[in-house]
Every structure is written in structure tokens, then in C-alpha cells.
Amino acid sequence: MGAAFADARFPTQLASWLSTQRWYTGKGRMPRLRTTGRLSLTTADPAGTGPADRAAVEVLLVLDESGQPVLYQLPLTAYRAPVAALESALVASLEGDDPLYFYDGPHDPAFARALLRLILDETAVTGEPDAAGEAPTAQGHLSLARPWTEIASSRVFKGEQSNSSIIYELRGDDGTPLPPVVCKIFRILQPGDNPDVVLLDALGATGSRVVPQSLGYLGGHWAAAVHDDSGRPDGVASGQLAFAQEFFPDVEDAWHLAHRAAESGRGFGAAARELGEATAEVHETLARVLGTTPCTPDDIASTMASMRRRVALAIAEVPALAELRTVIEAAYARAAGAVWPPMQRIHGDLHLGQVLAVPGRGWVLLDFEGEPLRPMAERNAPDLPLRDVAGMLRSFDYVAGAYALAHPGLSATDWALVCRRAFVDGYSARTGHDFRANRVLLDAFEIDKAVYEAIYESRNRPAWLPIPVAAITRLAERAAG
């Protein structure tokens, strides 16, 4: 398959396909790609449309240099003839005397099987060296001891955003069904440990029931791109390529439950209070296991600088926010002078869509990798639990915003206010600390989250942009008052 990468048609088709993917960050522009590494998960030659294990399975590490450089992980499978079952996952096709058909790996059982085996068998793969002699590597790591299983089936989880996830139905050595697992493939690679792996491992080691059980992960090393701050003098970056964990089939997330409640006029306060208690439990466990650190003047300055950078980026993408810059800055200045609590590891991107309602278990929090638009170093740094609280408060407001978009002239603002108060009440009851006593700090974190949302919506869902813009206006004016 290596010769195909030199074919001028391949990178052109690959770029066209990449530009249409939900997790591609350069919306509105065509990628300019440079392959920085390759990992082969099988050595079999792709021959026809036979069994899936006859596919060539490779992982490309591709740097997009069309804007701020971003390194993508692109698993691919290749066949000598088209595969009807994979038609919707076609990435590129090279016709001619020696044809090859490339498919998006997560949709192909050949890649799905190879990926999970690497993790469960704790095996290693070394790729081809680049011009500088650096060869990417991948190594499976098992977090939860369990017998080797047969993969009964695999499918891609729909609705992914910054990653792709494969759901596996498994059987034990004796053929009995085992609980399913989900393997998340990190599409955007940054150097450093992914907090989704680190934090779930730490929480799982305590026996926590409010998070999924970690199964294992695929770690990797790759040549550091010029934009990477890998901290390694040899120019090699390291991190996680994929992560497997417990999967909960046939359950709903809190967003859909809350949205349906708002649509039908039902209250959601009791559920919001329980969610506040679950969030507090996660924060307490992370503080106990991974520790806390006092918030220093440098920490405050760094956090406020990050917030201000985000405002500048948001104004560049949403010019209407420029008229709010003065009141936002005033709110941030008051927050900088407030008393800041200790810092610790947190979820980092908490909202209703990151929580599942699991029968017999209650709320379960997912996706601890933090905000995908933030650098990995920031996502791994201790932060204030306020960031998670603000994220969930914004999420209740989003339900009301979505309701207003669907029902012009009607409002669910009062519904959201009840949920917001109940969430904070539940959190406070568990921790004994009411964040409302330091309202200026909570307001600043809510504004920062809404600014992040404005950037996201301007790039992905312009019709939803009025929701965060209205929130920024309301929060900034309240803070100013």
C-alpha cells in the first residue's frame, strides 16, 4: 500500500474527504496535508473483496498545514476491489491497472479487530522511519484484567464530534456474551497524556460507580511536528492513540432527558440536584486521589490570560461580540481580584451531553478529555472545579435556548433557572461549599464557557449562535451590575 501514498490522486482525495469530516477543525478551507508517520497493523496484501482480515490496515499520521498546524490520526483499510458493505466509508479510490480502494478504518471490522487486539493483548507495533529516522510506535496497555475475548461485531457510534468511537459486542472464551466496550480513537493528536485516560484510570482505581470502568488504551510515540511543544529534546512526541472503556447500551444522555422534559413542561429539578451531587463526588474523588494545590497569583494570571485570548478569538469570528468586550473585561477584572479556591484535576468539558442515565446506577459522567480546542498542556493542568460547574449551568441554559429556537415567542428560562439552582444545591449539599458565595468568579467562568460556545457555534452550527451570544450579553451585564 505504500506506493499508493506517492500517487498524486491519493493526497488530493484524502484532503477532500478530510474536509467533510465532523472532527476536522479547519472548517471552510481545504486541508494541505503532509504525512508524518505510518503504522501498519497487518502485513496481509489486500486481495479482492474477501474476508475482512485480508485488508491492509494502516494508520496515517497526517499534518494539516492549511492553517494553524493540526496533526490527525487517520486509520485506513485498503482493498484491491471495492467493498459494497463499506461504500459509505470510502475515502479514496485509485483506479487503473493496480487499483486500490481506501476506507475509513473505524467502519471496517478489519481495523476494529486489529485495534482492540493491540490493547487487550498488550502488543506493540513499530512503523516506517521517516527521513529523519524517527519511526512511530504503538503499544497496548490493559487497565482491567479480563480474559481474551472474541469480537462478535463492531460498529461506529454515531454523532461523534472530535473523535470516532467503535462499539464492540464481545464473547468470552466459552462463547458467552460479555458486557460491550467502546473504543475511542483520538482523531486529533497532541503530545502529552490524554486526561480521558488518566482521570478515568484514577477514578476507576477507587471503584467509582459514577464513571465508566477503564479497559485499556493504545499509547504511541511519533515524530513531533514543528508546532508541537513535546518537551522532548529528541523531537519525539508521546500520548494516547485510542482508549477503551465500559459501554452502556440503550441508555440516554442527560441532554435528551432534559430537553424532553422542557418540551413537555415537566420539571427536571430533582434530577439536576442528583447530577450536582454526582459531579461533587467526582471532584472529591479526584482531589483525594490526585491532590489539590493552592491557587497562586501566577495561576490566576494564567487563567485570566487564557480567558482574554479566547475573547479575542471569539470577536475575530463573531464581530458582534466586540461591543461587549468592555463589560466582559470588567467582569474578568473583578474575578481576578476575588478569593480563588484550591486547584485540582477536573472533568474540563462538563455538560448534559457528557452524562448518561444508567438504570440501577444513576448518573455516569463521560469524556474526561476536556475541551478539544484547548491545548493538551492546559487540559492536563490543575483547574478550578468552578469550570465544571459553569459548564453544567451553561448546559441547562442551552436546553432553554434550544427550546426557544424550536418555539419562537416561547421561553423555558424559568425551567432552566430551577435546574441551575437545583444543580448548585446538590453540589453544595455534598461538598458543604456554595459557589454562589463567590458569584463574580462563577460569572467569569460562565462567560468564558459561553465565549467558547460562540466560537464553536460560529464554526459548526451558525443557527445556534444566538444562544451563547445572548448568554454572554446577560452574564456580562449582570456582572457589570
Protein backbone atom coordinates (compact mmCIF):
# COMPACT_ATOMS: atom_id res chain seq x y z
CA MET A 1 0.00 0.00 0.00
CA GLY A 2 2.99 2.29 0.47
CA ALA A 3 3.29 3.16 -3.22
CA ALA A 4 -0.25 4.49 -3.18
CA PHE A 5 0.73 7.38 -0.93
CA ALA A 6 3.04 8.67 -3.68
CA ASP A 7 0.19 8.67 -6.19
CA ALA A 8 -0.87 12.29 -6.75
CA ARG A 9 -4.53 11.27 -6.64
CA PHE A 10 -4.34 9.90 -3.08
CA PRO A 11 -3.49 13.06 -1.08
CA THR A 12 -5.97 15.08 -3.16
CA GLN A 13 -8.82 12.66 -2.45
CA LEU A 14 -7.74 12.29 1.18
CA ALA A 15 -7.84 16.07 1.66
CA SER A 16 -11.30 16.30 0.08
CA TRP A 17 -12.62 13.58 2.37
CA LEU A 18 -10.99 15.05 5.48
CA SER A 19 -12.52 18.48 4.84
CA THR A 20 -16.03 16.97 5.18
CA GLN A 21 -15.48 15.20 8.50
CA ARG A 22 -17.24 16.41 11.61
CA TRP A 23 -13.99 16.41 13.61
CA TYR A 24 -11.98 18.41 11.05
CA THR A 25 -11.07 21.71 12.72
CA GLY A 26 -10.37 23.75 9.57
CA LYS A 27 -13.97 24.31 8.51
CA GLY A 28 -14.26 26.30 5.29
CA ARG A 29 -10.81 25.56 3.91
CA MET A 30 -9.19 22.69 2.03
CA PRO A 31 -6.56 20.75 4.01
CA ARG A 32 -2.91 20.92 2.94
CA LEU A 33 -1.57 17.59 4.12
CA ARG A 34 1.83 16.16 4.92
CA THR A 35 2.19 12.57 6.12
CA THR A 36 4.49 12.44 9.16
CA GLY A 37 4.15 8.76 10.09
CA ARG A 38 2.60 5.40 9.21
CA LEU A 39 1.75 2.36 11.31
CA SER A 40 0.83 -0.95 9.68
CA LEU A 41 -1.47 -3.12 11.80
CA THR A 42 -1.40 -6.04 9.36
CA THR A 43 1.03 -7.24 6.72
CA ALA A 44 -1.51 -9.10 4.59
CA ASP A 45 -1.76 -7.96 0.98
CA PRO A 46 -5.22 -6.57 0.12
CA ALA A 47 -6.65 -9.10 -2.30
CA GLY A 48 -10.12 -8.61 -3.65
CA THR A 49 -13.24 -8.37 -1.53
CA GLY A 50 -12.61 -11.46 0.55
CA PRO A 51 -12.59 -11.72 4.35
CA ALA A 52 -12.00 -8.51 6.26
CA ASP A 53 -8.73 -9.80 7.71
CA ARG A 54 -7.24 -9.75 4.20
CA ALA A 55 -7.36 -5.98 4.13
CA ALA A 56 -4.27 -3.85 4.51
CA VAL A 57 -4.79 -1.92 7.75
CA GLU A 58 -2.73 1.20 8.33
CA VAL A 59 -2.81 4.31 10.49
CA LEU A 60 -1.62 7.54 8.90
CA LEU A 61 -0.39 10.47 10.98
CA VAL A 62 -1.14 13.48 8.80
CA LEU A 63 -0.28 17.11 9.49
CA ASP A 64 -2.68 19.69 8.07
CA GLU A 65 -0.71 22.86 7.33
CA SER A 66 -3.52 24.87 5.73
CA GLY A 67 -3.83 27.00 8.89
CA GLN A 68 -2.62 26.51 12.43
CA PRO A 69 -0.99 23.06 12.03
CA VAL A 70 -3.07 20.16 13.36
CA LEU A 71 -1.94 16.53 13.50
CA TYR A 72 -4.66 13.99 12.61
CA GLN A 73 -4.80 10.25 13.12
CA LEU A 74 -6.37 8.58 10.08
CA PRO A 75 -6.90 4.80 10.26
CA LEU A 76 -7.41 3.35 6.77
CA THR A 77 -8.06 -0.04 5.24
CA ALA A 78 -7.35 -0.85 1.58
CA TYR A 79 -8.66 -3.45 -0.87
CA ARG A 80 -7.92 -4.35 -4.47
CA ALA A 81 -11.62 -4.15 -5.35
CA PRO A 82 -14.50 -2.08 -3.96
CA VAL A 83 -16.25 -3.44 -0.86
CA ALA A 84 -20.00 -2.88 -1.07
CA ALA A 85 -20.50 -3.04 2.70
CA LEU A 86 -18.05 -0.16 3.17
CA GLU A 87 -19.30 2.07 0.35
CA SER A 88 -20.38 4.88 2.71
CA ALA A 89 -16.91 4.91 4.32
CA LEU A 90 -14.94 5.30 1.08
CA VAL A 91 -12.04 7.75 1.47
CA ALA A 92 -10.19 7.43 -1.84
CA SER A 93 -10.08 5.18 -4.89
CA LEU A 94 -7.13 4.74 -7.24
CA GLU A 95 -8.34 3.22 -10.48
CA GLY A 96 -6.11 1.67 -13.13
CA ASP A 97 -4.02 -1.45 -13.67
CA ASP A 98 -3.30 -1.79 -9.93
CA PRO A 99 -6.41 -0.35 -8.23
CA LEU A 100 -6.77 0.32 -4.52
CA TYR A 101 -9.83 1.37 -2.55
CA PHE A 102 -9.31 3.09 0.80
CA TYR A 103 -11.92 3.12 3.58
CA ASP A 104 -12.26 4.91 6.90
CA GLY A 105 -10.85 2.34 9.32
CA PRO A 106 -13.34 2.58 12.23
CA HIS A 107 -16.14 1.42 9.89
CA ASP A 108 -14.20 -1.68 8.83
CA PRO A 109 -14.18 -4.78 11.09
CA ALA A 110 -10.59 -5.41 9.95
CA PHE A 111 -9.33 -2.25 11.65
CA ALA A 112 -11.73 -2.57 14.59
CA ARG A 113 -10.42 -6.07 15.34
CA ALA A 114 -6.77 -5.09 14.95
CA LEU A 115 -7.16 -2.08 17.25
CA LEU A 116 -8.83 -3.91 20.13
CA ARG A 117 -6.40 -6.82 19.90
CA LEU A 118 -3.47 -4.43 20.29
CA ILE A 119 -4.99 -3.16 23.56
CA LEU A 120 -6.20 -6.46 25.02
CA ASP A 121 -3.07 -8.39 24.02
CA GLU A 122 -0.76 -5.51 25.08
CA THR A 123 1.20 -5.84 21.86
CA ALA A 124 3.41 -3.28 20.12
CA VAL A 125 3.71 -2.05 16.54
CA THR A 126 6.55 -0.04 15.01
CA GLY A 127 6.01 1.97 11.84
CA GLU A 128 8.26 3.04 9.00
CA PRO A 129 11.05 5.53 9.81
CA ASP A 130 10.73 8.99 8.29
CA ALA A 131 13.52 10.94 6.59
CA ALA A 132 14.97 11.84 10.00
CA GLY A 133 14.95 8.20 11.09
CA GLU A 134 12.02 8.56 13.50
CA ALA A 135 9.58 5.65 13.47
CA PRO A 136 6.13 5.92 15.09
CA THR A 137 5.23 3.22 17.59
CA ALA A 138 2.06 1.99 19.28
CA GLN A 139 1.79 -0.12 22.44
CA GLY A 140 -1.32 -1.63 24.00
CA HIS A 141 -1.91 -1.27 27.75
CA LEU A 142 -4.55 -3.20 29.69
CA SER A 143 -6.08 -1.43 32.71
CA LEU A 144 -8.67 -4.03 33.71
CA ALA A 145 -7.71 -7.69 33.85
CA ARG A 146 -10.15 -9.76 31.82
CA PRO A 147 -9.81 -12.85 29.62
CA TRP A 148 -9.18 -12.52 25.91
CA THR A 149 -12.49 -12.32 24.10
CA GLU A 150 -13.87 -12.95 20.65
CA ILE A 151 -15.23 -9.90 18.86
CA ALA A 152 -18.75 -10.76 17.80
CA SER A 153 -19.36 -7.46 15.99
CA SER A 154 -18.29 -3.83 15.79
CA ARG A 155 -19.96 -0.61 14.70
CA VAL A 156 -19.18 3.09 14.74
CA PHE A 157 -21.03 5.17 17.30
CA LYS A 158 -22.95 7.92 15.51
CA GLY A 159 -22.90 11.57 16.45
CA GLU A 160 -19.17 11.83 17.14
CA GLN A 161 -17.51 15.23 17.15
CA SER A 162 -13.78 15.45 17.91
CA ASN A 163 -13.21 11.67 17.92
CA SER A 164 -14.53 8.42 16.49
CA SER A 165 -15.77 5.57 18.68
CA ILE A 166 -16.20 1.87 17.91
CA ILE A 167 -18.69 -0.20 19.90
CA TYR A 168 -17.81 -3.88 20.29
CA GLU A 169 -20.07 -6.78 21.15
CA LEU A 170 -17.84 -9.41 22.77
CA ARG A 171 -17.91 -13.08 23.73
CA GLY A 172 -15.80 -14.93 26.27
CA ASP A 173 -13.62 -17.94 25.52
CA ASP A 174 -16.61 -20.16 26.28
CA GLY A 175 -18.84 -18.26 23.86
CA THR A 176 -20.92 -16.47 26.47
CA PRO A 177 -21.73 -12.79 25.80
CA LEU A 178 -19.67 -10.26 27.72
CA PRO A 179 -20.52 -6.62 28.52
CA PRO A 180 -19.85 -4.44 25.47
CA VAL A 181 -16.98 -1.97 25.32
CA VAL A 182 -16.38 1.21 23.37
CA CYS A 183 -13.02 2.22 21.96
CA LYS A 184 -12.45 5.92 21.31
CA ILE A 185 -9.96 6.86 18.57
CA PHE A 186 -8.39 10.27 19.16
CA ARG A 187 -8.53 11.92 15.74
CA ILE A 188 -6.51 14.99 16.78
CA LEU A 189 -3.14 14.14 18.33
CA GLN A 190 -1.31 16.38 20.75
CA PRO A 191 1.75 15.45 22.82
CA GLY A 192 1.05 14.53 26.42
CA ASP A 193 -1.22 12.13 28.29
CA ASN A 194 -4.87 12.46 27.39
CA PRO A 195 -6.88 13.30 30.52
CA ASP A 196 -9.65 10.96 29.40
CA VAL A 197 -7.23 8.09 30.03
CA VAL A 198 -5.51 9.48 33.12
CA LEU A 199 -8.61 10.58 35.00
CA LEU A 200 -10.78 7.55 34.27
CA ASP A 201 -7.93 5.28 35.34
CA ALA A 202 -7.58 7.23 38.59
CA LEU A 203 -11.33 7.22 39.28
CA GLY A 204 -11.74 3.59 38.26
CA ALA A 205 -8.99 2.50 40.65
CA THR A 206 -11.16 3.73 43.55
CA GLY A 207 -14.14 1.67 42.41
CA SER A 208 -16.13 4.77 41.48
CA ARG A 209 -19.53 3.98 40.02
CA VAL A 210 -20.21 7.45 38.62
CA VAL A 211 -17.75 6.95 35.72
CA PRO A 212 -17.26 4.11 33.21
CA GLN A 213 -14.69 1.42 34.01
CA SER A 214 -11.48 1.84 32.02
CA LEU A 215 -10.43 -1.21 29.98
CA GLY A 216 -7.12 -0.07 28.50
CA TYR A 217 -5.51 2.20 25.94
CA LEU A 218 -3.16 2.32 22.97
CA GLY A 219 -0.19 4.56 23.69
CA GLY A 220 2.06 5.91 20.97
CA HIS A 221 5.21 7.81 20.04
CA TRP A 222 5.54 9.85 16.88
CA ALA A 223 7.80 12.46 15.33
CA ALA A 224 6.96 15.80 16.88
CA ALA A 225 5.61 18.25 14.32
CA VAL A 226 7.20 21.67 14.22
CA HIS A 227 4.26 23.17 16.13
CA ASP A 228 4.38 20.58 18.91
CA ASP A 229 5.83 21.55 22.26
CA SER A 230 6.67 17.98 23.18
CA GLY A 231 9.26 18.84 25.76
CA ARG A 232 11.44 16.07 24.34
CA PRO A 233 14.91 17.06 23.04
CA ASP A 234 14.88 14.15 20.59
CA GLY A 235 11.85 15.58 18.78
CA VAL A 236 9.58 12.66 19.68
CA ALA A 237 6.07 13.26 21.00
CA SER A 238 4.08 10.74 23.01
CA GLY A 239 0.46 10.31 24.01
CA GLN A 240 -2.54 8.05 23.56
CA LEU A 241 -3.93 6.99 20.19
CA ALA A 242 -7.06 5.21 21.44
CA PHE A 243 -8.84 4.34 24.68
CA ALA A 244 -11.26 1.51 25.56
CA GLN A 245 -13.85 1.57 28.34
CA GLU A 246 -17.13 0.14 29.57
CA PHE A 247 -20.10 0.85 27.29
CA PHE A 248 -23.71 1.34 28.35
CA PRO A 249 -26.13 0.25 25.62
CA ASP A 250 -29.68 1.53 25.26
CA VAL A 251 -29.33 4.45 27.68
CA GLU A 252 -29.99 8.15 27.17
CA ASP A 253 -27.82 11.11 27.99
CA ALA A 254 -28.91 13.90 30.27
CA TRP A 255 -29.26 16.36 27.38
CA HIS A 256 -32.00 14.36 25.69
CA LEU A 257 -33.77 13.71 29.00
CA ALA A 258 -33.63 17.38 29.98
CA HIS A 259 -34.69 18.57 26.53
CA ARG A 260 -37.68 16.22 26.52
CA ALA A 261 -38.64 17.42 29.99
CA ALA A 262 -38.51 21.05 28.88
CA GLU A 263 -40.56 20.27 25.75
CA SER A 264 -43.29 18.60 27.80
CA GLY A 265 -43.26 21.18 30.58
CA ARG A 266 -42.04 18.69 33.18
CA GLY A 267 -39.64 19.72 35.90
CA PHE A 268 -36.07 18.45 35.99
CA GLY A 269 -35.02 19.90 39.34
CA ALA A 270 -34.71 16.63 41.28
CA ALA A 271 -32.59 15.09 38.51
CA ALA A 272 -30.44 18.25 38.35
CA ARG A 273 -29.84 18.09 42.10
CA GLU A 274 -28.69 14.45 41.83
CA LEU A 275 -26.42 15.44 38.97
CA GLY A 276 -24.90 18.13 41.19
CA GLU A 277 -24.22 15.50 43.84
CA ALA A 278 -22.60 13.15 41.28
CA THR A 279 -20.39 15.97 39.97
CA ALA A 280 -19.31 16.81 43.50
CA GLU A 281 -18.46 13.14 44.12
CA VAL A 282 -16.19 13.09 41.09
CA HIS A 283 -14.44 16.28 42.21
CA GLU A 284 -13.99 14.96 45.75
CA THR A 285 -12.52 11.68 44.48
CA LEU A 286 -10.12 13.39 42.08
CA ALA A 287 -8.98 15.74 44.85
CA ARG A 288 -8.36 12.82 47.19
CA VAL A 289 -6.55 10.63 44.66
CA LEU A 290 -4.62 13.22 42.62
CA GLY A 291 -4.37 16.00 45.20
CA THR A 292 -5.00 19.74 45.23
CA THR A 293 -2.73 22.74 45.00
CA PRO A 294 -3.18 26.31 46.26
CA CYS A 295 -4.14 28.80 43.58
CA THR A 296 -1.20 31.19 43.20
CA PRO A 297 -1.13 34.69 41.68
CA ASP A 298 0.60 33.17 38.65
CA ASP A 299 -2.25 30.63 38.30
CA ILE A 300 -4.81 33.41 38.40
CA ALA A 301 -2.89 35.48 35.86
CA SER A 302 -2.52 32.48 33.54
CA THR A 303 -6.22 31.60 33.75
CA MET A 304 -7.32 35.16 33.09
CA ALA A 305 -4.89 35.46 30.16
CA SER A 306 -6.39 32.31 28.65
CA MET A 307 -9.89 33.77 29.04
CA ARG A 308 -8.86 37.02 27.37
CA ARG A 309 -7.23 35.19 24.46
CA ARG A 310 -10.45 33.31 23.94
CA VAL A 311 -12.43 36.56 23.88
CA ALA A 312 -10.10 37.96 21.22
CA LEU A 313 -10.55 34.81 19.12
CA ALA A 314 -14.33 34.93 19.55
CA ILE A 315 -14.51 38.58 18.47
CA ALA A 316 -12.49 37.74 15.36
CA GLU A 317 -15.02 35.05 14.45
CA VAL A 318 -18.16 36.74 15.82
CA PRO A 319 -17.66 40.53 15.34
CA ALA A 320 -20.95 41.31 17.11
CA LEU A 321 -19.25 40.42 20.39
CA ALA A 322 -16.87 43.39 20.07
CA GLU A 323 -19.39 45.74 21.70
CA LEU A 324 -19.35 43.52 24.81
CA ARG A 325 -15.59 43.48 25.22
CA THR A 326 -15.55 46.28 27.80
CA VAL A 327 -18.11 44.70 30.13
CA ILE A 328 -16.51 41.27 29.73
CA GLU A 329 -13.13 42.72 30.66
CA ALA A 330 -14.69 44.41 33.69
CA ALA A 331 -16.18 41.09 34.82
CA TYR A 332 -12.82 39.40 34.39
CA ALA A 333 -11.04 42.12 36.35
CA ARG A 334 -13.39 41.63 39.31
CA ALA A 335 -12.89 37.85 39.14
CA ALA A 336 -9.11 38.28 39.16
CA GLY A 337 -9.41 40.13 42.46
CA ALA A 338 -11.66 37.54 44.12
CA VAL A 339 -10.60 34.74 46.50
CA TRP A 340 -9.80 31.64 44.44
CA PRO A 341 -10.23 28.12 45.90
CA PRO A 342 -7.58 25.36 45.56
CA MET A 343 -6.97 23.89 42.12
CA GLN A 344 -7.27 20.21 41.19
CA ARG A 345 -7.95 17.88 38.25
CA ILE A 346 -11.47 18.26 36.88
CA HIS A 347 -13.65 16.98 34.02
CA GLY A 348 -12.88 20.03 31.89
CA ASP A 349 -15.83 19.97 29.46
CA LEU A 350 -18.84 19.04 31.55
CA HIS A 351 -22.31 19.42 30.06
CA LEU A 352 -25.52 17.42 29.86
CA GLY A 353 -24.35 15.51 26.80
CA GLN A 354 -21.44 14.10 28.81
CA VAL A 355 -23.69 12.37 31.34
CA LEU A 356 -25.67 9.14 31.00
CA ALA A 357 -28.68 7.98 33.00
CA VAL A 358 -27.83 4.32 33.69
CA PRO A 359 -30.64 2.21 35.22
CA GLY A 360 -29.74 0.93 38.66
CA ARG A 361 -26.65 3.10 38.76
CA GLY A 362 -27.77 6.70 38.35
CA TRP A 363 -25.78 9.43 36.61
CA VAL A 364 -22.50 8.38 34.96
CA LEU A 365 -20.06 11.08 33.73
CA LEU A 366 -18.19 10.50 30.44
CA ASP A 367 -15.49 12.03 28.23
CA PHE A 368 -12.88 13.47 30.56
CA GLU A 369 -10.57 14.72 27.80
CA GLY A 370 -11.54 18.37 28.32
CA GLU A 371 -12.34 20.96 25.68
CA PRO A 372 -10.84 19.76 22.36
CA LEU A 373 -9.96 23.34 21.32
CA ARG A 374 -7.68 23.78 24.37
CA PRO A 375 -4.01 22.67 24.19
CA MET A 376 -3.24 19.35 25.92
CA ALA A 377 -0.97 21.07 28.45
CA GLU A 378 -3.88 23.24 29.59
CA ARG A 379 -6.23 20.26 29.75
CA ASN A 380 -3.79 18.36 31.96
CA ALA A 381 -3.15 21.25 34.34
CA PRO A 382 -4.99 21.57 37.67
CA ASP A 383 -8.02 23.81 37.34
CA LEU A 384 -10.92 25.07 39.41
CA PRO A 385 -13.99 22.84 39.92
CA LEU A 386 -15.87 26.03 39.06
CA ARG A 387 -15.13 25.34 35.39
CA ASP A 388 -17.19 22.14 35.50
CA VAL A 389 -19.97 23.80 37.49
CA ALA A 390 -20.11 26.66 34.97
CA GLY A 391 -20.20 24.18 32.09
CA MET A 392 -23.22 22.39 33.51
CA LEU A 393 -25.02 25.65 34.29
CA ARG A 394 -24.46 26.72 30.69
CA SER A 395 -25.85 23.37 29.52
CA PHE A 396 -29.17 23.93 31.30
CA ASP A 397 -29.29 27.35 29.65
CA TYR A 398 -28.66 25.63 26.30
CA VAL A 399 -31.75 23.49 26.78
CA ALA A 400 -33.78 26.66 27.22
CA GLY A 401 -32.07 28.19 24.17
CA ALA A 402 -32.83 25.15 22.02
CA TYR A 403 -36.45 25.28 23.20
CA ALA A 404 -36.71 28.96 22.20
CA LEU A 405 -35.27 28.24 18.75
CA ALA A 406 -37.83 25.50 18.20
CA HIS A 407 -40.72 27.55 19.63
CA PRO A 408 -40.38 31.22 18.59
CA GLY A 409 -42.03 33.50 21.09
CA LEU A 410 -41.98 30.95 23.92
CA SER A 411 -39.46 30.66 26.73
CA ALA A 412 -38.07 27.96 29.03
CA THR A 413 -35.92 30.40 31.02
CA ASP A 414 -37.74 29.71 34.30
CA TRP A 415 -37.34 25.95 33.73
CA ALA A 416 -33.58 26.43 33.30
CA LEU A 417 -33.32 28.64 36.41
CA VAL A 418 -34.89 25.90 38.56
CA CYS A 419 -32.42 23.34 37.15
CA ARG A 420 -29.43 25.62 37.68
CA ARG A 421 -30.36 26.27 41.30
CA ALA A 422 -31.03 22.59 41.97
CA PHE A 423 -27.68 21.56 40.49
CA VAL A 424 -25.77 24.01 42.69
CA ASP A 425 -27.85 22.98 45.71
CA GLY A 426 -26.96 19.32 45.15
CA TYR A 427 -23.30 20.14 44.68
CA SER A 428 -23.27 22.33 47.80
CA ALA A 429 -25.04 19.70 49.90
CA ARG A 430 -22.36 17.15 49.01
CA THR A 431 -19.34 19.44 49.49
CA GLY A 432 -20.57 21.94 52.04
CA HIS A 433 -19.41 24.75 49.78
CA ASP A 434 -21.80 27.06 47.91
CA PHE A 435 -20.14 28.62 44.86
CA ARG A 436 -22.78 31.33 44.84
CA ALA A 437 -20.92 32.92 47.76
CA ASN A 438 -18.27 33.88 45.18
CA ARG A 439 -20.59 34.90 42.37
CA VAL A 440 -18.11 37.10 40.47
CA LEU A 441 -15.78 34.13 39.99
CA LEU A 442 -18.57 31.82 38.86
CA ASP A 443 -19.83 34.51 36.46
CA ALA A 444 -16.36 34.80 34.89
CA PHE A 445 -16.17 31.07 34.27
CA GLU A 446 -19.69 31.04 32.82
CA ILE A 447 -18.80 33.90 30.47
CA ASP A 448 -15.64 32.05 29.41
CA LYS A 449 -17.65 28.93 28.65
CA ALA A 450 -20.21 30.91 26.65
CA VAL A 451 -17.37 32.55 24.68
CA TYR A 452 -16.05 29.06 23.88
CA GLU A 453 -19.54 28.07 22.75
CA ALA A 454 -19.75 31.11 20.48
CA ILE A 455 -16.53 30.06 18.73
CA TYR A 456 -17.81 26.51 18.36
CA GLU A 457 -21.23 27.51 17.03
CA SER A 458 -19.79 30.01 14.55
CA ARG A 459 -17.72 27.18 13.08
CA ASN A 460 -20.22 24.34 13.25
CA ARG A 461 -23.84 25.44 13.88
CA PRO A 462 -24.36 29.11 12.99
CA ALA A 463 -28.10 28.81 13.62
CA TRP A 464 -27.35 28.14 17.28
CA LEU A 465 -25.01 31.12 17.67
CA PRO A 466 -27.72 33.34 19.27
CA ILE A 467 -27.76 31.04 22.33
CA PRO A 468 -24.21 31.75 23.57
CA VAL A 469 -24.29 35.38 22.35
CA ALA A 470 -27.42 36.05 24.43
CA ALA A 471 -25.81 34.34 27.42
CA ILE A 472 -22.62 36.40 27.12
CA THR A 473 -24.69 39.57 26.98
CA ARG A 474 -26.78 38.60 30.01
CA LEU A 475 -23.86 37.36 32.12
CA ALA A 476 -21.60 40.30 31.32
CA GLU A 477 -24.33 42.84 32.08
CA ARG A 478 -25.21 41.08 35.34
CA ALA A 479 -21.55 41.01 36.33
CA ALA A 480 -21.27 44.69 35.47
CA GLY A 481 -24.24 45.43 37.72
